[in-house]
Every structure is written in structure tokens, then in C-alpha cells.
Amino acid sequence: MEWDEITGEKKKFFCKAVLNKNQVSLLGRDWAFSKRCQLEIKEDKFIVAGQEILLEAIKSATLRIYRSAFFIQGCVLTIKGEGFIHNFGLNYSDYWKSDLPFPVQRSYEKPPYLLIRQGIVVILILYSTYKIIQWLL
């Protein structure tokens, strides 16, 4: 990992990439078949999957922030330019909360059925814990 000497922030991120697709949902089939890669951000360009995208070529960028069923915050970065639309699924870290080297519009979204999914996760954890304790006694 490369680290910025001044801020201590990393500039390489593992991500899932859905390349050249207009809009992807926060959940769904697009992410199951996405490309796993590294997104590297330099002063003047993105480097992803062997491609270089100049920051000046980006017409708009959107950062959609959400919380998953496992209580982890993630984000989907969508960049649009002349002839391309790329989506990157990332872990939401302090880097994405700060000022970025390109203009970005942030939006907070809630995935569908989030409370139900989180409730199921909690119930499964409690049930598993109960069964383990019962097995130990």
C-alpha cells in the first residue's frame, strides 16, 4: 500500500468494479459478477484494472454511502466521463469522508429491507450463541 507522507492516508483501495454500466443498485447481481481489483488515486488520475482515467476527464462523480446488513459502512463511487461510466464498491473509510482530489456529490442511501436483514443477522447470532452454550453445558 502506498501512503501519503503528509496525511498518512492510503491511496490504493481494494474494490469491486462494474465498468461501463449506467447505474447499479447497492445490492444485486451486478456486484456478484463484478471485477475485483485495486483502485489507485494519484494527483491527476485513477488507475484501475490497468486503465488510467485522468481526473480532468471525469464529468461527474457520485459517492453513494450505505450501511450493510452486517453493520459495516460501504460506498459506491460512480464516475462518469466522455464514453465511460464506472462504478466502484468500496469500504467507506476516512479517506472518502475528506476532501477528494476531484469534485464529488455525496448521498446517503438505505438499502431495501435493511432493518429486516439486520434483524435476521442478530437473530442468527443469538440463536447460534444459544446453541453453542447449550452444547457446552
N, C-alpha and C. Protein backbone atom coordinates (compact mmCIF):
# COMPACT_ATOMS: atom_id res chain seq x y z
N MET A 1 0.83 -1.19 0.00
CA MET A 1 0.00 0.00 0.00
C MET A 1 0.87 1.24 0.00
N GLU A 2 0.47 2.20 -0.78
CA GLU A 2 1.16 3.49 -0.76
C GLU A 2 0.48 4.38 0.26
N TRP A 3 1.28 5.15 0.97
CA TRP A 3 0.75 6.05 1.98
C TRP A 3 1.22 7.45 1.67
N ASP A 4 0.33 8.39 1.81
CA ASP A 4 0.67 9.79 1.64
C ASP A 4 1.51 10.22 2.83
N GLU A 5 2.66 10.82 2.58
CA GLU A 5 3.57 11.19 3.66
C GLU A 5 2.98 12.27 4.57
N ILE A 6 2.16 13.13 4.03
CA ILE A 6 1.63 14.25 4.82
C ILE A 6 0.43 13.82 5.66
N THR A 7 -0.57 13.20 5.03
CA THR A 7 -1.80 12.88 5.75
C THR A 7 -1.80 11.47 6.34
N GLY A 8 -0.94 10.60 5.83
CA GLY A 8 -0.95 9.22 6.32
C GLY A 8 -2.07 8.39 5.73
N GLU A 9 -2.78 8.92 4.74
CA GLU A 9 -3.89 8.20 4.12
C GLU A 9 -3.38 7.29 3.01
N LYS A 10 -4.00 6.12 2.89
CA LYS A 10 -3.63 5.25 1.79
C LYS A 10 -4.32 5.71 0.52
N LYS A 11 -3.66 5.48 -0.60
CA LYS A 11 -4.17 5.91 -1.89
C LYS A 11 -4.52 4.74 -2.80
N LYS A 12 -4.39 3.52 -2.30
CA LYS A 12 -4.79 2.33 -3.03
C LYS A 12 -5.89 1.64 -2.24
N PHE A 13 -6.93 1.23 -2.94
CA PHE A 13 -8.08 0.61 -2.29
C PHE A 13 -8.49 -0.63 -3.06
N PHE A 14 -8.74 -1.71 -2.33
CA PHE A 14 -9.33 -2.88 -2.97
C PHE A 14 -10.81 -2.57 -3.20
N CYS A 15 -11.29 -2.95 -4.37
CA CYS A 15 -12.68 -2.61 -4.68
C CYS A 15 -13.28 -3.67 -5.60
N LYS A 16 -14.56 -3.53 -5.81
CA LYS A 16 -15.27 -4.27 -6.84
C LYS A 16 -15.62 -3.25 -7.91
N ALA A 17 -15.39 -3.58 -9.15
CA ALA A 17 -15.63 -2.63 -10.24
C ALA A 17 -16.66 -3.18 -11.21
N VAL A 18 -17.65 -2.35 -11.51
CA VAL A 18 -18.61 -2.63 -12.57
C VAL A 18 -18.36 -1.54 -13.61
N LEU A 19 -17.71 -1.93 -14.70
CA LEU A 19 -17.26 -0.96 -15.69
C LEU A 19 -18.30 -0.81 -16.80
N ASN A 20 -18.47 0.42 -17.25
CA ASN A 20 -19.34 0.79 -18.36
C ASN A 20 -20.77 0.31 -18.20
N LYS A 21 -21.33 0.56 -17.02
CA LYS A 21 -22.74 0.30 -16.77
C LYS A 21 -23.33 1.56 -16.16
N ASN A 22 -24.48 1.99 -16.65
CA ASN A 22 -25.04 3.28 -16.28
C ASN A 22 -25.30 3.41 -14.79
N GLN A 23 -26.13 2.57 -14.24
CA GLN A 23 -26.50 2.66 -12.82
C GLN A 23 -26.57 1.27 -12.24
N VAL A 24 -25.94 1.08 -11.11
CA VAL A 24 -26.02 -0.21 -10.43
C VAL A 24 -26.67 0.01 -9.07
N SER A 25 -27.37 -1.03 -8.61
CA SER A 25 -28.02 -0.93 -7.31
C SER A 25 -26.98 -1.16 -6.22
N LEU A 26 -27.35 -0.86 -4.99
CA LEU A 26 -26.45 -1.11 -3.88
C LEU A 26 -26.29 -2.60 -3.62
N LEU A 27 -27.30 -3.36 -3.98
CA LEU A 27 -27.29 -4.82 -3.84
C LEU A 27 -27.60 -5.41 -5.19
N GLY A 28 -27.24 -6.64 -5.40
CA GLY A 28 -27.71 -7.29 -6.61
C GLY A 28 -26.66 -8.03 -7.40
N ARG A 29 -27.11 -8.52 -8.52
CA ARG A 29 -26.34 -9.39 -9.40
C ARG A 29 -25.10 -8.69 -9.97
N ASP A 30 -25.19 -7.40 -10.19
CA ASP A 30 -24.04 -6.68 -10.76
C ASP A 30 -22.79 -6.86 -9.90
N TRP A 31 -22.96 -6.82 -8.59
CA TRP A 31 -21.80 -6.93 -7.69
C TRP A 31 -21.30 -8.36 -7.58
N ALA A 32 -22.19 -9.34 -7.78
CA ALA A 32 -21.75 -10.74 -7.73
C ALA A 32 -20.80 -11.06 -8.87
N PHE A 33 -21.01 -10.43 -10.01
CA PHE A 33 -20.18 -10.68 -11.19
C PHE A 33 -19.20 -9.54 -11.47
N SER A 34 -18.96 -8.70 -10.49
CA SER A 34 -18.06 -7.56 -10.69
C SER A 34 -16.61 -8.01 -10.68
N LYS A 35 -15.76 -7.14 -11.18
CA LYS A 35 -14.33 -7.41 -11.23
C LYS A 35 -13.68 -6.95 -9.93
N ARG A 36 -12.93 -7.82 -9.29
CA ARG A 36 -12.19 -7.44 -8.08
C ARG A 36 -10.86 -6.86 -8.53
N CYS A 37 -10.52 -5.68 -8.02
CA CYS A 37 -9.30 -5.02 -8.45
C CYS A 37 -8.85 -4.00 -7.42
N GLN A 38 -7.79 -3.28 -7.76
CA GLN A 38 -7.30 -2.19 -6.91
C GLN A 38 -7.58 -0.87 -7.61
N LEU A 39 -8.05 0.09 -6.83
CA LEU A 39 -8.25 1.45 -7.32
C LEU A 39 -7.15 2.29 -6.69
N GLU A 40 -6.33 2.90 -7.54
CA GLU A 40 -5.25 3.75 -7.05
C GLU A 40 -5.55 5.18 -7.48
N ILE A 41 -5.43 6.10 -6.53
CA ILE A 41 -5.71 7.50 -6.82
C ILE A 41 -4.41 8.28 -6.74
N LYS A 42 -4.07 8.92 -7.84
CA LYS A 42 -2.89 9.78 -7.90
C LYS A 42 -3.38 11.22 -7.96
N GLU A 43 -2.45 12.17 -8.04
CA GLU A 43 -2.83 13.59 -8.06
C GLU A 43 -3.66 13.95 -9.28
N ASP A 44 -3.42 13.26 -10.41
CA ASP A 44 -4.09 13.65 -11.65
C ASP A 44 -4.86 12.53 -12.35
N LYS A 45 -4.89 11.32 -11.75
CA LYS A 45 -5.56 10.22 -12.43
C LYS A 45 -5.94 9.09 -11.48
N PHE A 46 -6.89 8.26 -11.95
CA PHE A 46 -7.24 6.99 -11.35
C PHE A 46 -6.49 5.90 -12.11
N ILE A 47 -6.07 4.88 -11.42
CA ILE A 47 -5.56 3.69 -12.10
C ILE A 47 -6.36 2.52 -11.56
N VAL A 48 -7.06 1.84 -12.46
CA VAL A 48 -7.90 0.71 -12.06
C VAL A 48 -7.87 -0.33 -13.17
N ALA A 49 -7.61 -1.57 -12.78
CA ALA A 49 -7.60 -2.71 -13.72
C ALA A 49 -6.73 -2.42 -14.94
N GLY A 50 -5.60 -1.78 -14.73
CA GLY A 50 -4.69 -1.49 -15.83
C GLY A 50 -5.07 -0.30 -16.69
N GLN A 51 -6.18 0.34 -16.39
CA GLN A 51 -6.62 1.52 -17.15
C GLN A 51 -6.28 2.78 -16.36
N GLU A 52 -5.93 3.82 -17.08
CA GLU A 52 -5.71 5.12 -16.46
C GLU A 52 -6.85 6.04 -16.86
N ILE A 53 -7.45 6.68 -15.87
CA ILE A 53 -8.54 7.64 -16.12
C ILE A 53 -8.09 8.97 -15.55
N LEU A 54 -7.91 9.94 -16.41
CA LEU A 54 -7.49 11.26 -15.96
C LEU A 54 -8.61 11.93 -15.17
N LEU A 55 -8.26 12.60 -14.09
CA LEU A 55 -9.27 13.28 -13.27
C LEU A 55 -9.98 14.37 -14.05
N GLU A 56 -9.28 15.00 -14.98
CA GLU A 56 -9.92 16.05 -15.79
C GLU A 56 -10.93 15.49 -16.78
N ALA A 57 -10.88 14.17 -17.05
CA ALA A 57 -11.84 13.53 -17.96
C ALA A 57 -13.14 13.19 -17.25
N ILE A 58 -13.18 13.30 -15.91
CA ILE A 58 -14.38 12.97 -15.16
C ILE A 58 -15.34 14.15 -15.21
N LYS A 59 -16.53 13.92 -15.74
CA LYS A 59 -17.55 14.97 -15.83
C LYS A 59 -18.34 15.08 -14.53
N SER A 60 -18.64 13.93 -13.91
CA SER A 60 -19.34 13.93 -12.62
C SER A 60 -18.95 12.70 -11.82
N ALA A 61 -19.01 12.85 -10.51
CA ALA A 61 -18.71 11.74 -9.61
C ALA A 61 -19.72 11.76 -8.46
N THR A 62 -20.22 10.60 -8.12
CA THR A 62 -21.19 10.46 -7.04
C THR A 62 -20.70 9.38 -6.08
N LEU A 63 -20.79 9.67 -4.80
CA LEU A 63 -20.42 8.72 -3.76
C LEU A 63 -21.69 8.38 -2.98
N ARG A 64 -22.22 7.17 -3.20
CA ARG A 64 -23.43 6.73 -2.51
C ARG A 64 -23.02 5.92 -1.30
N ILE A 65 -23.35 6.41 -0.11
CA ILE A 65 -22.91 5.82 1.15
C ILE A 65 -24.07 5.03 1.76
N TYR A 66 -23.79 3.85 2.26
CA TYR A 66 -24.85 3.00 2.84
C TYR A 66 -24.27 2.16 3.97
N ARG A 67 -25.16 1.54 4.74
CA ARG A 67 -24.77 0.61 5.81
C ARG A 67 -25.31 -0.77 5.43
N SER A 68 -24.44 -1.78 5.52
CA SER A 68 -24.84 -3.13 5.11
C SER A 68 -25.58 -3.85 6.24
N ALA A 69 -26.05 -5.05 5.92
CA ALA A 69 -26.76 -5.85 6.92
C ALA A 69 -25.84 -6.28 8.05
N PHE A 70 -24.54 -6.27 7.82
CA PHE A 70 -23.57 -6.65 8.84
C PHE A 70 -23.04 -5.43 9.58
N PHE A 71 -23.75 -4.30 9.49
CA PHE A 71 -23.47 -3.07 10.23
C PHE A 71 -22.14 -2.42 9.80
N ILE A 72 -21.70 -2.67 8.58
CA ILE A 72 -20.47 -2.09 8.04
C ILE A 72 -20.85 -1.02 7.04
N GLN A 73 -20.17 0.12 7.09
CA GLN A 73 -20.45 1.17 6.12
C GLN A 73 -19.65 0.93 4.84
N GLY A 74 -20.31 1.09 3.73
CA GLY A 74 -19.68 0.95 2.42
C GLY A 74 -20.09 2.11 1.54
N CYS A 75 -19.53 2.17 0.35
CA CYS A 75 -19.92 3.23 -0.58
C CYS A 75 -19.74 2.72 -2.00
N VAL A 76 -20.48 3.33 -2.89
CA VAL A 76 -20.36 3.07 -4.32
C VAL A 76 -19.97 4.39 -4.96
N LEU A 77 -18.78 4.40 -5.56
CA LEU A 77 -18.29 5.57 -6.27
C LEU A 77 -18.61 5.39 -7.74
N THR A 78 -19.38 6.31 -8.30
CA THR A 78 -19.73 6.28 -9.71
C THR A 78 -19.07 7.48 -10.38
N ILE A 79 -18.25 7.20 -11.39
CA ILE A 79 -17.62 8.29 -12.14
C ILE A 79 -18.11 8.22 -13.59
N LYS A 80 -18.44 9.39 -14.11
CA LYS A 80 -18.94 9.48 -15.48
C LYS A 80 -18.05 10.44 -16.25
N GLY A 81 -17.75 10.04 -17.47
CA GLY A 81 -16.96 10.88 -18.36
C GLY A 81 -17.41 10.67 -19.78
N GLU A 82 -16.65 11.21 -20.71
CA GLU A 82 -16.97 11.07 -22.13
C GLU A 82 -16.73 9.62 -22.55
N GLY A 83 -17.79 8.85 -22.74
CA GLY A 83 -17.67 7.49 -23.22
C GLY A 83 -17.49 6.42 -22.15
N PHE A 84 -17.58 6.77 -20.89
CA PHE A 84 -17.46 5.75 -19.85
C PHE A 84 -18.29 6.12 -18.63
N ILE A 85 -18.76 5.08 -17.95
CA ILE A 85 -19.42 5.17 -16.65
C ILE A 85 -18.91 3.98 -15.85
N HIS A 86 -18.19 4.25 -14.77
CA HIS A 86 -17.62 3.18 -13.95
C HIS A 86 -18.17 3.29 -12.53
N ASN A 87 -18.42 2.12 -11.93
CA ASN A 87 -18.91 2.03 -10.55
C ASN A 87 -17.92 1.21 -9.73
N PHE A 88 -17.58 1.70 -8.55
CA PHE A 88 -16.64 1.02 -7.67
C PHE A 88 -17.26 0.82 -6.30
N GLY A 89 -17.31 -0.41 -5.83
CA GLY A 89 -17.78 -0.72 -4.49
C GLY A 89 -16.60 -0.72 -3.54
N LEU A 90 -16.67 0.13 -2.51
CA LEU A 90 -15.53 0.34 -1.60
C LEU A 90 -15.98 0.31 -0.15
N ASN A 91 -15.03 0.05 0.75
CA ASN A 91 -15.28 0.27 2.17
C ASN A 91 -15.20 1.76 2.43
N TYR A 92 -16.12 2.27 3.21
CA TYR A 92 -16.18 3.70 3.49
C TYR A 92 -15.20 4.02 4.61
N SER A 93 -14.10 4.68 4.28
CA SER A 93 -13.05 4.99 5.26
C SER A 93 -12.92 6.51 5.41
N ASP A 94 -12.00 6.90 6.27
CA ASP A 94 -11.76 8.34 6.49
C ASP A 94 -11.34 9.06 5.22
N TYR A 95 -10.67 8.36 4.32
CA TYR A 95 -10.25 9.00 3.06
C TYR A 95 -11.46 9.51 2.29
N TRP A 96 -12.51 8.72 2.22
CA TRP A 96 -13.69 9.09 1.43
C TRP A 96 -14.52 10.16 2.13
N LYS A 97 -14.31 10.35 3.43
CA LYS A 97 -15.02 11.40 4.16
C LYS A 97 -14.38 12.76 3.97
N SER A 98 -13.11 12.78 3.59
CA SER A 98 -12.36 14.04 3.46
C SER A 98 -12.54 14.65 2.07
N ASP A 99 -11.89 15.77 1.85
CA ASP A 99 -11.90 16.39 0.53
C ASP A 99 -11.12 15.51 -0.44
N LEU A 100 -11.70 15.26 -1.58
CA LEU A 100 -11.09 14.39 -2.58
C LEU A 100 -10.44 15.24 -3.67
N PRO A 101 -9.53 14.67 -4.44
CA PRO A 101 -8.87 15.45 -5.50
C PRO A 101 -9.74 15.70 -6.72
N PHE A 102 -11.01 15.38 -6.63
CA PHE A 102 -11.96 15.62 -7.71
C PHE A 102 -13.30 15.97 -7.06
N PRO A 103 -14.13 16.74 -7.75
CA PRO A 103 -15.44 17.08 -7.16
C PRO A 103 -16.36 15.86 -7.12
N VAL A 104 -17.00 15.69 -5.97
CA VAL A 104 -17.87 14.53 -5.80
C VAL A 104 -19.13 14.96 -5.04
N GLN A 105 -20.25 14.38 -5.44
CA GLN A 105 -21.52 14.61 -4.75
C GLN A 105 -21.78 13.39 -3.87
N ARG A 106 -21.99 13.62 -2.58
CA ARG A 106 -22.23 12.53 -1.64
C ARG A 106 -23.73 12.40 -1.37
N SER A 107 -24.19 11.16 -1.29
CA SER A 107 -25.58 10.91 -0.91
C SER A 107 -25.62 9.70 0.01
N TYR A 108 -26.47 9.77 1.02
CA TYR A 108 -26.64 8.67 1.98
C TYR A 108 -27.89 7.91 1.59
N GLU A 109 -27.73 6.61 1.37
CA GLU A 109 -28.84 5.78 0.93
C GLU A 109 -29.05 4.63 1.89
N LYS A 110 -30.24 4.10 1.85
CA LYS A 110 -30.60 2.97 2.70
C LYS A 110 -30.99 1.81 1.79
N PRO A 111 -30.25 0.70 1.87
CA PRO A 111 -30.62 -0.45 1.03
C PRO A 111 -32.01 -0.97 1.40
N PRO A 112 -32.70 -1.60 0.45
CA PRO A 112 -34.04 -2.10 0.75
C PRO A 112 -34.01 -3.19 1.82
N TYR A 113 -35.03 -3.18 2.65
CA TYR A 113 -35.22 -4.18 3.70
C TYR A 113 -34.05 -4.26 4.68
N LEU A 114 -33.39 -3.15 4.94
CA LEU A 114 -32.21 -3.15 5.79
C LEU A 114 -32.52 -3.62 7.21
N LEU A 115 -33.60 -3.10 7.81
CA LEU A 115 -33.93 -3.49 9.18
C LEU A 115 -34.26 -4.97 9.29
N ILE A 116 -34.96 -5.50 8.30
CA ILE A 116 -35.30 -6.92 8.31
C ILE A 116 -34.03 -7.76 8.19
N ARG A 117 -33.13 -7.36 7.30
CA ARG A 117 -31.89 -8.11 7.10
C ARG A 117 -31.01 -8.03 8.34
N GLN A 118 -30.92 -6.86 8.97
CA GLN A 118 -30.13 -6.73 10.18
C GLN A 118 -30.76 -7.54 11.32
N GLY A 119 -32.08 -7.55 11.39
CA GLY A 119 -32.77 -8.34 12.40
C GLY A 119 -32.48 -9.82 12.24
N ILE A 120 -32.48 -10.31 11.01
CA ILE A 120 -32.17 -11.72 10.75
C ILE A 120 -30.74 -12.04 11.18
N VAL A 121 -29.81 -11.15 10.90
CA VAL A 121 -28.41 -11.37 11.31
C VAL A 121 -28.31 -11.46 12.83
N VAL A 122 -28.98 -10.55 13.54
CA VAL A 122 -28.93 -10.56 15.01
C VAL A 122 -29.57 -11.83 15.56
N ILE A 123 -30.70 -12.24 15.01
CA ILE A 123 -31.38 -13.46 15.46
C ILE A 123 -30.50 -14.69 15.23
N LEU A 124 -29.84 -14.76 14.07
CA LEU A 124 -28.95 -15.89 13.80
C LEU A 124 -27.76 -15.94 14.75
N ILE A 125 -27.20 -14.78 15.07
CA ILE A 125 -26.08 -14.73 16.01
C ILE A 125 -26.54 -15.16 17.40
N LEU A 126 -27.69 -14.66 17.85
CA LEU A 126 -28.20 -15.04 19.17
C LEU A 126 -28.54 -16.53 19.23
N TYR A 127 -29.16 -17.05 18.19
CA TYR A 127 -29.52 -18.47 18.16
C TYR A 127 -28.26 -19.34 18.16
N SER A 128 -27.26 -18.96 17.38
CA SER A 128 -26.00 -19.72 17.34
C SER A 128 -25.31 -19.70 18.70
N THR A 129 -25.31 -18.55 19.34
CA THR A 129 -24.71 -18.43 20.68
C THR A 129 -25.46 -19.32 21.67
N TYR A 130 -26.79 -19.31 21.62
CA TYR A 130 -27.61 -20.15 22.49
C TYR A 130 -27.28 -21.62 22.28
N LYS A 131 -27.19 -22.06 21.02
CA LYS A 131 -26.91 -23.46 20.73
C LYS A 131 -25.51 -23.86 21.19
N ILE A 132 -24.53 -22.97 21.04
CA ILE A 132 -23.17 -23.27 21.49
C ILE A 132 -23.13 -23.39 23.01
N ILE A 133 -23.78 -22.48 23.71
CA ILE A 133 -23.84 -22.55 25.17
C ILE A 133 -24.55 -23.81 25.62
N GLN A 134 -25.65 -24.15 24.95
CA GLN A 134 -26.40 -25.36 25.28
C GLN A 134 -25.53 -26.60 25.04
N TRP A 135 -24.75 -26.61 24.00
CA TRP A 135 -23.89 -27.74 23.67
C TRP A 135 -22.76 -27.87 24.69
N LEU A 136 -22.24 -26.73 25.18
CA LEU A 136 -21.15 -26.75 26.16
C LEU A 136 -21.60 -27.22 27.54
N LEU A 137 -22.86 -26.99 27.90
CA LEU A 137 -23.36 -27.36 29.22
C LEU A 137 -23.85 -28.74 29.24
